[in-house]
C-alpha atoms as a PDB file:
ATOM      1  CA  MET A   1     129.756 121.519 161.123  1.00  0.00           C
ATOM      2  CA  MET A   2     127.997 124.888 160.686  1.00  0.00           C
ATOM      3  CA  ARG A   3     124.085 124.614 159.757  1.00  0.00           C
ATOM      4  CA  VAL A   4     123.402 126.803 156.607  1.00  0.00           C
ATOM      5  CA  ARG A   5     120.861 129.350 157.197  1.00  0.00           C
ATOM      6  CA  SER A   6     119.803 131.541 154.987  1.00  0.00           C
ATOM      7  CA  LEU A   7     117.497 131.702 151.818  1.00  0.00           C
ATOM      8  CA  ARG A   8     120.607 133.475 150.214  1.00  0.00           C
ATOM      9  CA  VAL A   9     123.071 131.912 147.844  1.00  0.00           C
ATOM     10  CA  GLY A  10     125.682 134.257 148.571  1.00  0.00           C
ATOM     11  CA  ALA A  11     125.828 133.141 152.143  1.00  0.00           C
ATOM     12  CA  VAL A  12     126.298 129.607 151.361  1.00  0.00           C
ATOM     13  CA  VAL A  13     128.760 129.879 149.190  1.00  0.00           C
ATOM     14  CA  SER A  14     130.799 131.897 151.578  1.00  0.00           C
ATOM     15  CA  ALA A  15     130.229 128.807 154.042  1.00  0.00           C
ATOM     16  CA  CYS A  16     131.831 126.407 151.676  1.00  0.00           C
ATOM     17  CA  LEU A  17     134.345 129.179 150.746  1.00  0.00           C
ATOM     18  CA  GLY A  18     135.451 128.850 154.436  1.00  0.00           C
ATOM     19  CA  LEU A  19     135.251 125.389 154.543  1.00  0.00           C
ATOM     20  CA  ALA A  20     136.566 124.225 151.458  1.00  0.00           C
ATOM     21  CA  GLY A  21     138.275 121.394 152.619  1.00  0.00           C
ATOM     22  CA  ILE A  22     134.950 119.807 154.291  1.00  0.00           C
ATOM     23  CA  ALA A  23     133.406 117.025 151.565  1.00  0.00           C
ATOM     24  CA  GLY A  24     129.984 118.135 150.637  1.00  0.00           C
ATOM     25  CA  CYS A  25     131.279 121.590 149.397  1.00  0.00           C
ATOM     26  CA  GLY A  26     131.471 120.781 145.653  1.00  0.00           C
ATOM     27  CA  SER A  27     134.197 122.320 143.189  1.00  0.00           C
ATOM     28  CA  GLY A  28     135.235 122.255 139.375  1.00  0.00           C
ATOM     29  CA  ASP A  29     133.655 123.790 136.470  1.00  0.00           C
ATOM     30  CA  THR A  30     129.951 124.835 136.432  1.00  0.00           C
ATOM     31  CA  VAL A  31     127.600 122.369 135.546  1.00  0.00           C
ATOM     32  CA  ASP A  32     124.329 123.209 134.047  1.00  0.00           C
ATOM     33  CA  SER A  33     121.090 121.518 136.196  1.00  0.00           C
ATOM     34  CA  PRO A  34     119.534 119.243 134.477  1.00  0.00           C
ATOM     35  CA  GLY A  35     116.495 119.697 132.483  1.00  0.00           C
ATOM     36  CA  SER A  36     117.211 123.137 132.329  1.00  0.00           C
ATOM     37  CA  VAL A  37     117.015 124.881 129.208  1.00  0.00           C
ATOM     38  CA  PRO A  38     117.929 128.965 128.159  1.00  0.00           C
ATOM     39  CA  PHE A  39     114.979 131.317 128.915  1.00  0.00           C
ATOM     40  CA  SER A  40     114.590 132.506 125.849  1.00  0.00           C
ATOM     41  CA  ALA A  41     113.131 128.705 124.872  1.00  0.00           C
ATOM     42  CA  ALA A  42     111.052 128.340 127.972  1.00  0.00           C
ATOM     43  CA  VAL A  43     107.448 130.047 127.107  1.00  0.00           C
ATOM     44  CA  ALA A  44     106.251 131.969 130.443  1.00  0.00           C
ATOM     45  CA  VAL A  45     102.939 130.388 131.937  1.00  0.00           C
ATOM     46  CA  ALA A  46     100.136 132.809 132.846  1.00  0.00           C
ATOM     47  CA  ALA A  47      98.139 132.406 136.234  1.00  0.00           C
ATOM     48  CA  ALA A  48      95.015 131.019 136.647  1.00  0.00           C
ATOM     49  CA  PRO A  49      92.031 132.930 137.763  1.00  0.00           C
ATOM     50  CA  GLY A  50      91.814 133.441 141.594  1.00  0.00           C
ATOM     51  CA  THR A  51      89.238 131.730 143.943  1.00  0.00           C
ATOM     52  CA  GLY A  52      88.918 134.781 146.124  1.00  0.00           C
ATOM     53  CA  ALA A  53      89.518 131.964 148.600  1.00  0.00           C
ATOM     54  CA  VAL A  54      92.092 134.088 150.524  1.00  0.00           C
ATOM     55  CA  VAL A  55      94.293 133.198 153.562  1.00  0.00           C
ATOM     56  CA  ARG A  56      93.868 135.752 155.957  1.00  0.00           C
ATOM     57  CA  ASP A  57      96.140 134.187 158.826  1.00  0.00           C
ATOM     58  CA  ALA A  58      99.452 133.207 158.518  1.00  0.00           C
ATOM     59  CA  ALA A  59      99.418 130.663 161.537  1.00  0.00           C
ATOM     60  CA  GLN A  60      96.732 128.687 159.174  1.00  0.00           C
ATOM     61  CA  LEU A  61      99.303 129.393 156.072  1.00  0.00           C
ATOM     62  CA  SER A  62     102.439 127.697 157.870  1.00  0.00           C
ATOM     63  CA  ALA A  63     100.204 124.634 158.428  1.00  0.00           C
ATOM     64  CA  GLY A  64      99.839 124.329 155.661  1.00  0.00           C
ATOM     65  CA  LEU A  65     103.621 124.015 154.589  1.00  0.00           C
ATOM     66  CA  LEU A  66     105.320 120.790 154.624  1.00  0.00           C
ATOM     67  CA  ALA A  67     107.074 119.775 158.005  1.00  0.00           C
ATOM     68  CA  ALA A  68     110.148 117.789 158.583  1.00  0.00           C
ATOM     69  CA  THR A  69     108.053 114.438 158.747  1.00  0.00           C
ATOM     70  CA  ASP A  70     106.916 114.960 155.141  1.00  0.00           C
ATOM     71  CA  LEU A  71     110.476 115.256 153.543  1.00  0.00           C
ATOM     72  CA  PRO A  72     113.020 112.253 152.631  1.00  0.00           C
ATOM     73  CA  GLY A  73     116.435 111.821 154.304  1.00  0.00           C
ATOM     74  CA  ASP A  74     117.685 113.725 157.076  1.00  0.00           C
ATOM     75  CA  PHE A  75     116.502 117.101 157.236  1.00  0.00           C
ATOM     76  CA  ALA A  76     115.635 119.063 160.262  1.00  0.00           C
ATOM     77  CA  VAL A  77     113.538 122.215 160.816  1.00  0.00           C
ATOM     78  CA  VAL A  78     115.958 125.490 161.236  1.00  0.00           C
ATOM     79  CA  PRO A  79     114.615 127.369 164.087  1.00  0.00           C
ATOM     80  CA  PRO A  80     113.715 131.197 162.779  1.00  0.00           C
ATOM     81  CA  ARG A  81     116.285 133.970 163.551  1.00  0.00           C
ATOM     82  CA  GLY A  82     115.841 134.994 167.279  1.00  0.00           C
ATOM     83  CA  GLU A  83     115.214 131.264 168.675  1.00  0.00           C
ATOM     84  CA  SER A  84     118.568 129.916 168.342  1.00  0.00           C
ATOM     85  CA  GLY A  85     122.104 130.900 169.715  1.00  0.00           C
ATOM     86  CA  GLU A  86     123.936 130.606 166.642  1.00  0.00           C
ATOM     87  CA  PRO A  87     124.915 134.005 164.870  1.00  0.00           C
ATOM     88  CA  ALA A  88     123.114 135.696 162.186  1.00  0.00           C
ATOM     89  CA  VAL A  89     123.636 135.215 158.733  1.00  0.00           C
ATOM     90  CA  PRO A  90     125.666 138.026 157.333  1.00  0.00           C
ATOM     91  CA  PRO A  91     123.204 140.398 155.005  1.00  0.00           C
ATOM     92  CA  ALA A  92     122.652 139.651 151.699  1.00  0.00           C
ATOM     93  CA  ALA A  93     125.745 140.355 149.045  1.00  0.00           C
ATOM     94  CA  LEU A  94     125.377 142.927 146.640  1.00  0.00           C
ATOM     95  CA  THR A  95     124.791 141.822 143.472  1.00  0.00           C
ATOM     96  CA  ASP A  96     124.889 143.922 139.867  1.00  0.00           C
ATOM     97  CA  PRO A  97     122.270 144.538 139.067  1.00  0.00           C
ATOM     98  CA  PRO A  98     121.335 145.157 142.584  1.00  0.00           C
ATOM     99  CA  ASP A  99     117.782 144.275 141.674  1.00  0.00           C
ATOM    100  CA  CYS A 100     118.715 140.210 141.251  1.00  0.00           C
ATOM    101  CA  GLY A 101     119.585 139.952 144.614  1.00  0.00           C
ATOM    102  CA  ARG A 102     116.031 139.848 145.146  1.00  0.00           C
ATOM    103  CA  LEU A 103     116.202 136.504 143.503  1.00  0.00           C
ATOM    104  CA  LEU A 104     115.254 133.740 146.020  1.00  0.00           C
ATOM    105  CA  LEU A 105     113.586 135.847 148.826  1.00  0.00           C
ATOM    106  CA  PRO A 106     110.720 134.899 149.752  1.00  0.00           C
ATOM    107  CA  ILE A 107     107.117 135.860 148.013  1.00  0.00           C
ATOM    108  CA  ALA A 108     105.832 138.445 150.227  1.00  0.00           C
ATOM    109  CA  GLN A 109     109.250 140.032 150.344  1.00  0.00           C
ATOM    110  CA  GLN A 110     109.726 139.905 146.242  1.00  0.00           C
ATOM    111  CA  TRP A 111     105.955 140.890 145.819  1.00  0.00           C
ATOM    112  CA  PRO A 112     104.172 143.046 148.947  1.00  0.00           C
ATOM    113  CA  GLY A 113     100.355 143.261 149.282  1.00  0.00           C
ATOM    114  CA  SER A 114      99.787 139.652 150.597  1.00  0.00           C
ATOM    115  CA  ALA A 115      97.578 138.789 152.989  1.00  0.00           C
ATOM    116  CA  ALA A 116      99.117 136.453 154.799  1.00  0.00           C
ATOM    117  CA  ALA A 117     102.689 134.834 154.449  1.00  0.00           C
ATOM    118  CA  ALA A 118     104.696 132.050 156.114  1.00  0.00           C
ATOM    119  CA  SER A 119     108.470 129.983 155.519  1.00  0.00           C
ATOM    120  CA  VAL A 120     109.832 127.084 156.793  1.00  0.00           C
ATOM    121  CA  GLN A 121     113.527 126.156 156.315  1.00  0.00           C
ATOM    122  CA  PHE A 122     115.356 122.821 156.666  1.00  0.00           C
ATOM    123  CA  ALA A 123     119.032 121.911 157.031  1.00  0.00           C
ATOM    124  CA  GLY A 124     120.124 118.656 155.884  1.00  0.00           C
ATOM    125  CA  PRO A 125     123.441 116.487 155.337  1.00  0.00           C
ATOM    126  CA  SER A 126     126.588 117.872 153.114  1.00  0.00           C
ATOM    127  CA  PHE A 127     125.095 121.959 153.354  1.00  0.00           C
ATOM    128  CA  ALA A 128     121.989 121.055 151.437  1.00  0.00           C
ATOM    129  CA  THR A 129     119.233 123.146 152.703  1.00  0.00           C
ATOM    130  CA  ILE A 130     115.333 123.139 151.411  1.00  0.00           C
ATOM    131  CA  ASP A 131     113.117 126.708 151.805  1.00  0.00           C
ATOM    132  CA  ILE A 132     109.612 127.036 150.994  1.00  0.00           C
ATOM    133  CA  ASP A 133     107.381 129.985 151.590  1.00  0.00           C
ATOM    134  CA  ALA A 134     104.057 130.965 150.475  1.00  0.00           C
ATOM    135  CA  ALA A 135     101.790 133.815 150.439  1.00  0.00           C
ATOM    136  CA  SER A 136      98.236 134.298 149.643  1.00  0.00           C
ATOM    137  CA  TYR A 137      96.758 137.225 147.434  1.00  0.00           C
ATOM    138  CA  ALA A 138      93.245 138.824 146.686  1.00  0.00           C
ATOM    139  CA  ASP A 139      92.417 138.094 142.824  1.00  0.00           C
ATOM    140  CA  ALA A 140      93.332 141.450 141.828  1.00  0.00           C
ATOM    141  CA  ALA A 141      97.129 140.804 142.783  1.00  0.00           C
ATOM    142  CA  LEU A 142      97.007 137.362 142.342  1.00  0.00           C
ATOM    143  CA  ALA A 143      98.241 137.629 138.499  1.00  0.00           C
ATOM    144  CA  PRO A 144     100.569 140.432 139.058  1.00  0.00           C
ATOM    145  CA  ALA A 145     102.694 139.171 141.430  1.00  0.00           C
ATOM    146  CA  PHE A 146     103.087 135.771 139.522  1.00  0.00           C
ATOM    147  CA  ASP A 147     104.248 137.729 135.873  1.00  0.00           C
ATOM    148  CA  ALA A 148     106.385 139.339 138.335  1.00  0.00           C
ATOM    149  CA  LEU A 149     107.810 136.415 140.155  1.00  0.00           C
ATOM    150  CA  GLN A 150     108.427 134.637 136.677  1.00  0.00           C
ATOM    151  CA  ALA A 151     109.726 137.575 135.221  1.00  0.00           C
ATOM    152  CA  GLN A 152     112.568 138.402 137.735  1.00  0.00           C
ATOM    153  CA  PRO A 153     115.146 135.001 136.778  1.00  0.00           C
ATOM    154  CA  ARG A 154     114.126 136.029 133.363  1.00  0.00           C
ATOM    155  CA  ARG A 155     116.082 139.289 133.861  1.00  0.00           C
ATOM    156  CA  CYS A 156     118.761 137.956 135.678  1.00  0.00           C
ATOM    157  CA  THR A 157     120.302 135.564 133.359  1.00  0.00           C
ATOM    158  CA  SER A 158     124.080 136.644 134.250  1.00  0.00           C
ATOM    159  CA  TYR A 159     124.994 138.706 137.066  1.00  0.00           C
ATOM    160  CA  SER A 160     127.086 139.178 139.610  1.00  0.00           C
ATOM    161  CA  GLY A 161     127.731 139.459 143.534  1.00  0.00           C
ATOM    162  CA  ASP A 162     130.435 140.536 145.970  1.00  0.00           C
ATOM    163  CA  ASP A 163     130.628 139.015 149.225  1.00  0.00           C
ATOM    164  CA  ALA A 164     132.840 140.192 151.876  1.00  0.00           C
ATOM    165  CA  GLY A 165     135.226 140.918 148.875  1.00  0.00           C
ATOM    166  CA  VAL A 166     134.734 137.520 147.206  1.00  0.00           C
ATOM    167  CA  ARG A 167     133.406 137.234 143.699  1.00  0.00           C
ATOM    168  CA  ILE A 168     130.281 135.783 142.861  1.00  0.00           C
ATOM    169  CA  GLU A 169     128.888 134.707 139.157  1.00  0.00           C
ATOM    170  CA  TYR A 170     125.512 133.793 138.946  1.00  0.00           C
ATOM    171  CA  ARG A 171     123.353 132.358 135.952  1.00  0.00           C
ATOM    172  CA  THR A 172     119.855 131.763 135.870  1.00  0.00           C
ATOM    173  CA  SER A 173     118.250 129.121 133.234  1.00  0.00           C
ATOM    174  CA  ALA A 174     114.878 127.697 132.720  1.00  0.00           C
ATOM    175  CA  LEU A 175     113.793 124.263 134.443  1.00  0.00           C
ATOM    176  CA  ALA A 176     111.553 121.342 133.270  1.00  0.00           C
ATOM    177  CA  GLN A 177     109.102 120.643 135.575  1.00  0.00           C
ATOM    178  CA  PRO A 178     105.716 118.195 135.204  1.00  0.00           C
ATOM    179  CA  PRO A 179     102.558 120.371 136.251  1.00  0.00           C
ATOM    180  CA  ALA A 180     101.611 121.046 139.190  1.00  0.00           C
ATOM    181  CA  GLY A 181      98.911 123.243 140.956  1.00  0.00           C
ATOM    182  CA  ASP A 182      96.981 125.700 139.197  1.00  0.00           C
ATOM    183  CA  ALA A 183     100.028 127.243 136.716  1.00  0.00           C
ATOM    184  CA  GLY A 184     104.167 126.646 138.017  1.00  0.00           C
ATOM    185  CA  SER A 185     107.026 127.357 136.461  1.00  0.00           C
ATOM    186  CA  ALA A 186     110.720 126.588 137.605  1.00  0.00           C
ATOM    187  CA  PHE A 187     114.376 127.882 136.953  1.00  0.00           C
ATOM    188  CA  ALA A 188     117.815 126.750 138.395  1.00  0.00           C
ATOM    189  CA  LEU A 189     120.203 129.581 139.924  1.00  0.00           C
ATOM    190  CA  THR A 190     123.758 128.375 139.800  1.00  0.00           C
ATOM    191  CA  ALA A 191     126.327 130.389 141.640  1.00  0.00           C
ATOM    192  CA  THR A 192     129.903 130.014 141.321  1.00  0.00           C
ATOM    193  CA  SER A 193     132.933 131.253 143.032  1.00  0.00           C
ATOM    194  CA  GLU A 194     136.431 130.534 143.190  1.00  0.00           C
ATOM    195  CA  GLY A 195     136.272 126.972 141.956  1.00  0.00           C
ATOM    196  CA  LEU A 196     133.249 126.313 144.220  1.00  0.00           C
ATOM    197  CA  THR A 197     129.694 126.104 142.656  1.00  0.00           C
ATOM    198  CA  LEU A 198     126.396 125.879 144.126  1.00  0.00           C
ATOM    199  CA  THR A 199     122.759 125.192 142.472  1.00  0.00           C
ATOM    200  CA  SER A 200     119.220 125.876 144.097  1.00  0.00           C
ATOM    201  CA  ALA A 201     116.462 124.420 141.926  1.00  0.00           C
ATOM    202  CA  THR A 202     113.592 126.727 142.349  1.00  0.00           C
ATOM    203  CA  SER A 203     109.644 126.028 141.504  1.00  0.00           C
ATOM    204  CA  LEU A 204     107.154 128.815 141.933  1.00  0.00           C
ATOM    205  CA  VAL A 205     103.126 126.964 142.053  1.00  0.00           C
ATOM    206  CA  GLN A 206      99.859 128.977 142.504  1.00  0.00           C
ATOM    207  CA  VAL A 207      97.306 126.760 144.550  1.00  0.00           C
ATOM    208  CA  GLY A 208      94.069 128.575 144.302  1.00  0.00           C
ATOM    209  CA  ASN A 209      95.117 132.496 145.836  1.00  0.00           C
ATOM    210  CA  THR A 210      98.333 130.884 147.569  1.00  0.00           C
ATOM    211  CA  LEU A 211     101.634 131.454 145.655  1.00  0.00           C
ATOM    212  CA  VAL A 212     104.552 129.190 146.804  1.00  0.00           C
ATOM    213  CA  GLN A 213     108.294 129.174 146.416  1.00  0.00           C
ATOM    214  CA  VAL A 214     109.971 125.383 146.879  1.00  0.00           C
ATOM    215  CA  VAL A 215     113.971 126.154 146.602  1.00  0.00           C
ATOM    216  CA  VAL A 216     116.312 123.204 146.779  1.00  0.00           C
ATOM    217  CA  THR A 217     119.957 124.028 146.951  1.00  0.00           C
ATOM    218  CA  ALA A 218     123.238 122.188 147.483  1.00  0.00           C
ATOM    219  CA  PRO A 219     126.954 122.414 146.560  1.00  0.00           C
ATOM    220  CA  GLU A 220     126.133 119.941 143.661  1.00  0.00           C
ATOM    221  CA  VAL A 221     123.689 119.554 140.472  1.00  0.00           C
ATOM    222  CA  VAL A 222     120.223 118.928 142.014  1.00  0.00           C
ATOM    223  CA  ASP A 223     118.134 116.588 140.664  1.00  0.00           C
ATOM    224  CA  PRO A 224     114.951 117.950 139.126  1.00  0.00           C
ATOM    225  CA  GLY A 225     112.969 114.789 140.473  1.00  0.00           C
ATOM    226  CA  VAL A 226     114.010 115.945 144.054  1.00  0.00           C
ATOM    227  CA  LEU A 227     112.031 119.084 143.052  1.00  0.00           C
ATOM    228  CA  SER A 228     109.401 117.992 141.194  1.00  0.00           C
ATOM    229  CA  ASP A 229     108.693 115.672 144.393  1.00  0.00           C
ATOM    230  CA  LEU A 230     108.917 118.190 146.855  1.00  0.00           C
ATOM    231  CA  THR A 231     106.686 120.755 144.779  1.00  0.00           C
ATOM    232  CA  ALA A 232     103.631 117.979 144.390  1.00  0.00           C
ATOM    233  CA  ALA A 233     103.686 117.180 148.089  1.00  0.00           C
ATOM    234  CA  GLN A 234     103.451 120.692 149.038  1.00  0.00           C
ATOM    235  CA  VAL A 235     101.022 121.048 146.353  1.00  0.00           C
ATOM    236  CA  ARG A 236      98.741 118.363 147.750  1.00  0.00           C
ATOM    237  CA  LYS A 237      99.155 119.654 151.585  1.00  0.00           C
ATOM    238  CA  LEU A 238      98.159 123.042 150.508  1.00  0.00           C
ATOM    239  CA  ARG A 239      95.075 121.362 148.863  1.00  0.00           C
ATOM    240  CA  GLY A 240      94.569 119.257 151.943  1.00  0.00           C
END
């Protein structure tokens, strides 16, 4: 059984399409993630003032991210590309509008200019993945980055993609989550193709001058409690 090794939803859907007969790939009608609401009913959150304490070392920032021993269940770290004999993940699927294809990319790729960035990926049973990345910004860049990251899923509430000739329909919605960090928001991204559905529950959290993105992806509806527990644990670890 292959491991899913991508932050990109399209690649995971493709894996399920190729293994439609294996348990763990969801099927049936699209189901809204529990706790999700239209973005029109959700208020955007403002970033907290920066503290000036910018993390400038990627190794230091990486040490502040959750490890496999911090996770529940049977999750293992996915080696970075180039350190594994597995074939590289295909390029991201094209989307319409094109800008929506940036959703779930690491924060530092969505908003350049960070002083340091780090990421870690975990693969679990039944094609479930957990992706965590962080980027540290100077005070002047912190609020613009936070605002831009919140705005992206609001602009991409419904869009489509094409992955090697397979059409994928995406939709996003705001996701209710308990407060965490200095400021935060969350959204759910659902991808549907040929009767298969994949859900990514994503939280964006500010911890001082560091922004963190936690993504839980599964071929089924993601329990919002899983995302909130992971986000809270990540905040605690960054705060030391």
